């Protein structure tokens, strides 16, 4: 187990970093292969802005 410093990585060890990288890549590949409808960028950004606005009011 190789320890990492906060300057090198947000993960404590190279094993944690590698595990996250594998999970992230698999998630992106699965999404790209999906046939579900895509959300246009403008709509996605509007949804995120609505979430931000609601949380600011709370």
PDB file of N, CA and C in Angstrom:
ATOM      1  N   UNK A   1       0.853  -1.170   0.000  1.00  0.00           N
ATOM      2  CA  UNK A   1       0.000   0.000   0.000  1.00  0.00           C
ATOM      3  C   UNK A   1       0.900   1.234   0.000  1.00  0.00           C
ATOM      4  N   UNK A   2       0.795   2.019  -1.050  1.00  0.00           N
ATOM      5  CA  UNK A   2       1.580   3.239  -1.153  1.00  0.00           C
ATOM      6  C   UNK A   2       0.759   4.412  -0.643  1.00  0.00           C
ATOM      7  N   UNK A   3       1.304   5.104   0.344  1.00  0.00           N
ATOM      8  CA  UNK A   3       0.603   6.271   0.895  1.00  0.00           C
ATOM      9  C   UNK A   3       0.832   7.474  -0.011  1.00  0.00           C
ATOM     10  N   UNK A   4      -0.200   8.299  -0.116  1.00  0.00           N
ATOM     11  CA  UNK A   4      -0.113   9.510  -0.917  1.00  0.00           C
ATOM     12  C   UNK A   4      -0.268  10.724  -0.013  1.00  0.00           C
ATOM     13  N   UNK A   5       0.344  11.816  -0.399  1.00  0.00           N
ATOM     14  CA  UNK A   5       0.185  13.052   0.363  1.00  0.00           C
ATOM     15  C   UNK A   5      -0.975  13.849  -0.229  1.00  0.00           C
ATOM     16  N   UNK A   6      -1.567  14.767   0.533  1.00  0.00           N
ATOM     17  CA  UNK A   6      -2.665  15.580   0.001  1.00  0.00           C
ATOM     18  C   UNK A   6      -2.258  16.409  -1.220  1.00  0.00           C
ATOM     19  N   UNK A   7      -0.968  16.675  -1.358  1.00  0.00           N
ATOM     20  CA  UNK A   7      -0.494  17.428  -2.525  1.00  0.00           C
ATOM     21  C   UNK A   7      -0.579  16.558  -3.781  1.00  0.00           C
ATOM     22  N   UNK A   8      -0.341  15.263  -3.617  1.00  0.00           N
ATOM     23  CA  UNK A   8      -0.366  14.341  -4.754  1.00  0.00           C
ATOM     24  C   UNK A   8      -1.775  13.915  -5.155  1.00  0.00           C
ATOM     25  N   UNK A   9      -2.634  13.693  -4.156  1.00  0.00           N
ATOM     26  CA  UNK A   9      -3.929  13.093  -4.447  1.00  0.00           C
ATOM     27  C   UNK A   9      -4.909  13.347  -3.312  1.00  0.00           C
ATOM     28  N   UNK A  10      -6.194  13.276  -3.628  1.00  0.00           N
ATOM     29  CA  UNK A  10      -7.210  13.395  -2.585  1.00  0.00           C
ATOM     30  C   UNK A  10      -7.419  12.060  -1.875  1.00  0.00           C
ATOM     31  N   UNK A  11      -6.781  11.000  -2.364  1.00  0.00           N
ATOM     32  CA  UNK A  11      -6.913   9.673  -1.774  1.00  0.00           C
ATOM     33  C   UNK A  11      -5.713   9.380  -0.882  1.00  0.00           C
ATOM     34  N   UNK A  12      -5.933   8.534   0.116  1.00  0.00           N
ATOM     35  CA  UNK A  12      -4.872   8.214   1.071  1.00  0.00           C
ATOM     36  C   UNK A  12      -3.844   7.246   0.494  1.00  0.00           C
ATOM     37  N   UNK A  13      -4.293   6.353  -0.395  1.00  0.00           N
ATOM     38  CA  UNK A  13      -3.386   5.352  -0.955  1.00  0.00           C
ATOM     39  C   UNK A  13      -3.587   5.244  -2.471  1.00  0.00           C
ATOM     40  N   UNK A  14      -2.600   4.651  -3.126  1.00  0.00           N
ATOM     41  CA  UNK A  14      -2.730   4.442  -4.572  1.00  0.00           C
ATOM     42  C   UNK A  14      -3.841   3.436  -4.863  1.00  0.00           C
ATOM     43  N   UNK A  15      -4.060   2.484  -3.952  1.00  0.00           N
ATOM     44  CA  UNK A  15      -5.121   1.506  -4.142  1.00  0.00           C
ATOM     45  C   UNK A  15      -6.492   2.187  -4.155  1.00  0.00           C
ATOM     46  N   UNK A  16      -6.703   3.141  -3.240  1.00  0.00           N
ATOM     47  CA  UNK A  16      -7.964   3.881  -3.211  1.00  0.00           C
ATOM     48  C   UNK A  16      -8.144   4.681  -4.503  1.00  0.00           C
ATOM     49  N   UNK A  17      -7.083   5.320  -4.956  1.00  0.00           N
ATOM     50  CA  UNK A  17      -7.139   6.104  -6.192  1.00  0.00           C
ATOM     51  C   UNK A  17      -7.446   5.205  -7.383  1.00  0.00           C
ATOM     52  N   UNK A  18      -6.803   4.046  -7.454  1.00  0.00           N
ATOM     53  CA  UNK A  18      -7.040   3.109  -8.559  1.00  0.00           C
ATOM     54  C   UNK A  18      -8.464   2.566  -8.529  1.00  0.00           C
ATOM     55  N   UNK A  19      -8.984   2.273  -7.344  1.00  0.00           N
ATOM     56  CA  UNK A  19     -10.352   1.759  -7.217  1.00  0.00           C
ATOM     57  C   UNK A  19     -11.356   2.815  -7.675  1.00  0.00           C
ATOM     58  N   UNK A  20     -11.140   4.055  -7.280  1.00  0.00           N
ATOM     59  CA  UNK A  20     -12.038   5.132  -7.709  1.00  0.00           C
ATOM     60  C   UNK A  20     -11.965   5.310  -9.215  1.00  0.00           C
ATOM     61  N   UNK A  21     -10.766   5.291  -9.763  1.00  0.00           N
ATOM     62  CA  UNK A  21     -10.597   5.455 -11.207  1.00  0.00           C
ATOM     63  C   UNK A  21     -11.327   4.355 -11.966  1.00  0.00           C
ATOM     64  N   UNK A  22     -11.223   3.109 -11.496  1.00  0.00           N
ATOM     65  CA  UNK A  22     -11.909   1.994 -12.153  1.00  0.00           C
ATOM     66  C   UNK A  22     -13.420   2.174 -12.075  1.00  0.00           C
ATOM     67  N   UNK A  23     -13.927   2.568 -10.905  1.00  0.00           N
ATOM     68  CA  UNK A  23     -15.370   2.797 -10.749  1.00  0.00           C
ATOM     69  C   UNK A  23     -15.836   3.921 -11.671  1.00  0.00           C
ATOM     70  N   UNK A  24     -15.091   5.017 -11.687  1.00  0.00           N
ATOM     71  CA  UNK A  24     -15.483   6.173 -12.494  1.00  0.00           C
ATOM     72  C   UNK A  24     -15.511   5.829 -13.978  1.00  0.00           C
ATOM     73  N   UNK A  25     -14.473   5.149 -14.453  1.00  0.00           N
ATOM     74  CA  UNK A  25     -14.416   4.770 -15.859  1.00  0.00           C
ATOM     75  C   UNK A  25     -15.567   3.833 -16.234  1.00  0.00           C
ATOM     76  N   UNK A  26     -15.874   2.874 -15.362  1.00  0.00           N
ATOM     77  CA  UNK A  26     -16.972   1.940 -15.630  1.00  0.00           C
ATOM     78  C   UNK A  26     -18.310   2.681 -15.672  1.00  0.00           C
ATOM     79  N   UNK A  27     -18.488   3.646 -14.776  1.00  0.00           N
ATOM     80  CA  UNK A  27     -19.720   4.428 -14.744  1.00  0.00           C
ATOM     81  C   UNK A  27     -19.887   5.244 -16.018  1.00  0.00           C
ATOM     82  N   UNK A  28     -18.825   5.890 -16.455  1.00  0.00           N
ATOM     83  CA  UNK A  28     -18.885   6.702 -17.676  1.00  0.00           C
ATOM     84  C   UNK A  28     -19.130   5.812 -18.895  1.00  0.00           C
ATOM     85  N   UNK A  29     -18.438   4.694 -18.980  1.00  0.00           N
ATOM     86  CA  UNK A  29     -18.622   3.795 -20.116  1.00  0.00           C
ATOM     87  C   UNK A  29     -20.052   3.255 -20.170  1.00  0.00           C
ATOM     88  N   UNK A  30     -20.613   2.908 -19.009  1.00  0.00           N
ATOM     89  CA  UNK A  30     -21.985   2.398 -18.967  1.00  0.00           C
ATOM     90  C   UNK A  30     -22.963   3.473 -19.423  1.00  0.00           C
ATOM     91  N   UNK A  31     -22.750   4.694 -18.994  1.00  0.00           N
ATOM     92  CA  UNK A  31     -23.641   5.786 -19.382  1.00  0.00           C
ATOM     93  C   UNK A  31     -23.546   6.071 -20.885  1.00  0.00           C
ATOM     94  N   UNK A  32     -22.338   6.027 -21.404  1.00  0.00           N
ATOM     95  CA  UNK A  32     -22.156   6.286 -22.836  1.00  0.00           C
ATOM     96  C   UNK A  32     -22.792   5.182 -23.688  1.00  0.00           C
ATOM     97  N   UNK A  33     -22.837   3.959 -23.170  1.00  0.00           N
ATOM     98  CA  UNK A  33     -23.414   2.839 -23.906  1.00  0.00           C
ATOM     99  C   UNK A  33     -24.929   2.764 -23.742  1.00  0.00           C
ATOM    100  N   UNK A  34     -25.474   3.540 -22.823  1.00  0.00           N
ATOM    101  CA  UNK A  34     -26.907   3.507 -22.524  1.00  0.00           C
ATOM    102  C   UNK A  34     -27.735   4.059 -23.686  1.00  0.00           C
ATOM    103  N   UNK A  35     -28.926   3.505 -23.831  1.00  0.00           N
ATOM    104  CA  UNK A  35     -29.854   3.983 -24.855  1.00  0.00           C
ATOM    105  C   UNK A  35     -30.899   4.930 -24.278  1.00  0.00           C
ATOM    106  N   UNK A  36     -30.766   5.280 -23.004  1.00  0.00           N
ATOM    107  CA  UNK A  36     -31.754   6.175 -22.393  1.00  0.00           C
ATOM    108  C   UNK A  36     -31.624   7.569 -22.997  1.00  0.00           C
ATOM    109  N   UNK A  37     -32.719   8.336 -22.955  1.00  0.00           N
ATOM    110  CA  UNK A  37     -32.688   9.666 -23.589  1.00  0.00           C
ATOM    111  C   UNK A  37     -31.649  10.586 -22.958  1.00  0.00           C
ATOM    112  N   UNK A  38     -31.038  11.384 -23.781  1.00  0.00           N
ATOM    113  CA  UNK A  38     -30.031  12.338 -23.322  1.00  0.00           C
ATOM    114  C   UNK A  38     -30.709  13.613 -22.840  1.00  0.00           C
ATOM    115  N   UNK A  39     -30.074  14.306 -21.908  1.00  0.00           N
ATOM    116  CA  UNK A  39     -30.577  15.596 -21.437  1.00  0.00           C
ATOM    117  C   UNK A  39     -29.707  16.670 -22.073  1.00  0.00           C
ATOM    118  N   UNK A  40     -30.311  17.616 -22.787  1.00  0.00           N
ATOM    119  CA  UNK A  40     -29.522  18.692 -23.391  1.00  0.00           C
ATOM    120  C   UNK A  40     -28.771  19.493 -22.316  1.00  0.00           C
ATOM    121  N   UNK A  41     -27.623  20.007 -22.672  1.00  0.00           N
ATOM    122  CA  UNK A  41     -26.774  20.739 -21.737  1.00  0.00           C
ATOM    123  C   UNK A  41     -27.528  21.883 -21.057  1.00  0.00           C
ATOM    124  N   UNK A  42     -28.253  22.672 -21.837  1.00  0.00           N
ATOM    125  CA  UNK A  42     -28.976  23.812 -21.263  1.00  0.00           C
ATOM    126  C   UNK A  42     -29.990  23.364 -20.213  1.00  0.00           C
ATOM    127  N   UNK A  43     -30.675  22.257 -20.475  1.00  0.00           N
ATOM    128  CA  UNK A  43     -31.655  21.752 -19.514  1.00  0.00           C
ATOM    129  C   UNK A  43     -30.961  21.247 -18.251  1.00  0.00           C
ATOM    130  N   UNK A  44     -29.860  20.543 -18.418  1.00  0.00           N
ATOM    131  CA  UNK A  44     -29.113  20.042 -17.258  1.00  0.00           C
ATOM    132  C   UNK A  44     -28.615  21.205 -16.398  1.00  0.00           C
ATOM    133  N   UNK A  45     -28.103  22.244 -17.033  1.00  0.00           N
ATOM    134  CA  UNK A  45     -27.609  23.402 -16.290  1.00  0.00           C
ATOM    135  C   UNK A  45     -28.757  24.130 -15.581  1.00  0.00           C
ATOM    136  N   UNK A  46     -29.916  24.218 -16.227  1.00  0.00           N
ATOM    137  CA  UNK A  46     -31.080  24.852 -15.600  1.00  0.00           C
ATOM    138  C   UNK A  46     -31.527  24.057 -14.382  1.00  0.00           C
ATOM    139  N   UNK A  47     -31.518  22.735 -14.481  1.00  0.00           N
ATOM    140  CA  UNK A  47     -31.874  21.892 -13.325  1.00  0.00           C
ATOM    141  C   UNK A  47     -30.906  22.119 -12.174  1.00  0.00           C
ATOM    142  N   UNK A  48     -29.620  22.179 -12.482  1.00  0.00           N
ATOM    143  CA  UNK A  48     -28.621  22.377 -11.424  1.00  0.00           C
ATOM    144  C   UNK A  48     -28.774  23.757 -10.794  1.00  0.00           C
ATOM    145  N   UNK A  49     -29.047  24.769 -11.611  1.00  0.00           N
ATOM    146  CA  UNK A  49     -29.225  26.121 -11.076  1.00  0.00           C
ATOM    147  C   UNK A  49     -30.439  26.177 -10.151  1.00  0.00           C
ATOM    148  N   UNK A  50     -31.501  25.444 -10.506  1.00  0.00           N
ATOM    149  CA  UNK A  50     -32.691  25.404  -9.655  1.00  0.00           C
ATOM    150  C   UNK A  50     -32.360  24.778  -8.305  1.00  0.00           C
ATOM    151  N   UNK A  51     -31.555  23.729  -8.304  1.00  0.00           N
ATOM    152  CA  UNK A  51     -31.136  23.101  -7.044  1.00  0.00           C
ATOM    153  C   UNK A  51     -30.326  24.084  -6.205  1.00  0.00           C
ATOM    154  N   UNK A  52     -29.387  24.769  -6.837  1.00  0.00           N
ATOM    155  CA  UNK A  52     -28.560  25.755  -6.129  1.00  0.00           C
ATOM    156  C   UNK A  52     -29.428  26.855  -5.544  1.00  0.00           C
ATOM    157  N   UNK A  53     -30.368  27.363  -6.340  1.00  0.00           N
ATOM    158  CA  UNK A  53     -31.238  28.436  -5.871  1.00  0.00           C
ATOM    159  C   UNK A  53     -32.094  27.995  -4.690  1.00  0.00           C
ATOM    160  N   UNK A  54     -32.636  26.767  -4.755  1.00  0.00           N
ATOM    161  CA  UNK A  54     -33.444  26.255  -3.635  1.00  0.00           C
ATOM    162  C   UNK A  54     -32.615  26.154  -2.360  1.00  0.00           C
ATOM    163  N   UNK A  55     -31.382  25.706  -2.495  1.00  0.00           N
ATOM    164  CA  UNK A  55     -30.539  25.527  -1.302  1.00  0.00           C
ATOM    165  C   UNK A  55     -30.109  26.869  -0.716  1.00  0.00           C
ATOM    166  N   UNK A  56     -29.935  27.868  -1.562  1.00  0.00           N
ATOM    167  CA  UNK A  56     -29.580  29.187  -1.056  1.00  0.00           C
ATOM    168  C   UNK A  56     -30.721  29.773  -0.241  1.00  0.00           C
ATOM    169  N   UNK A  57     -31.966  29.490  -0.663  1.00  0.00           N
ATOM    170  CA  UNK A  57     -33.137  30.006   0.036  1.00  0.00           C
ATOM    171  C   UNK A  57     -33.370  29.286   1.358  1.00  0.00           C
ATOM    172  N   UNK A  58     -32.959  28.030   1.445  1.00  0.00           N
ATOM    173  CA  UNK A  58     -33.211  27.209   2.644  1.00  0.00           C
ATOM    174  C   UNK A  58     -32.384  27.646   3.836  1.00  0.00           C
TER     175      UNK A  58
END
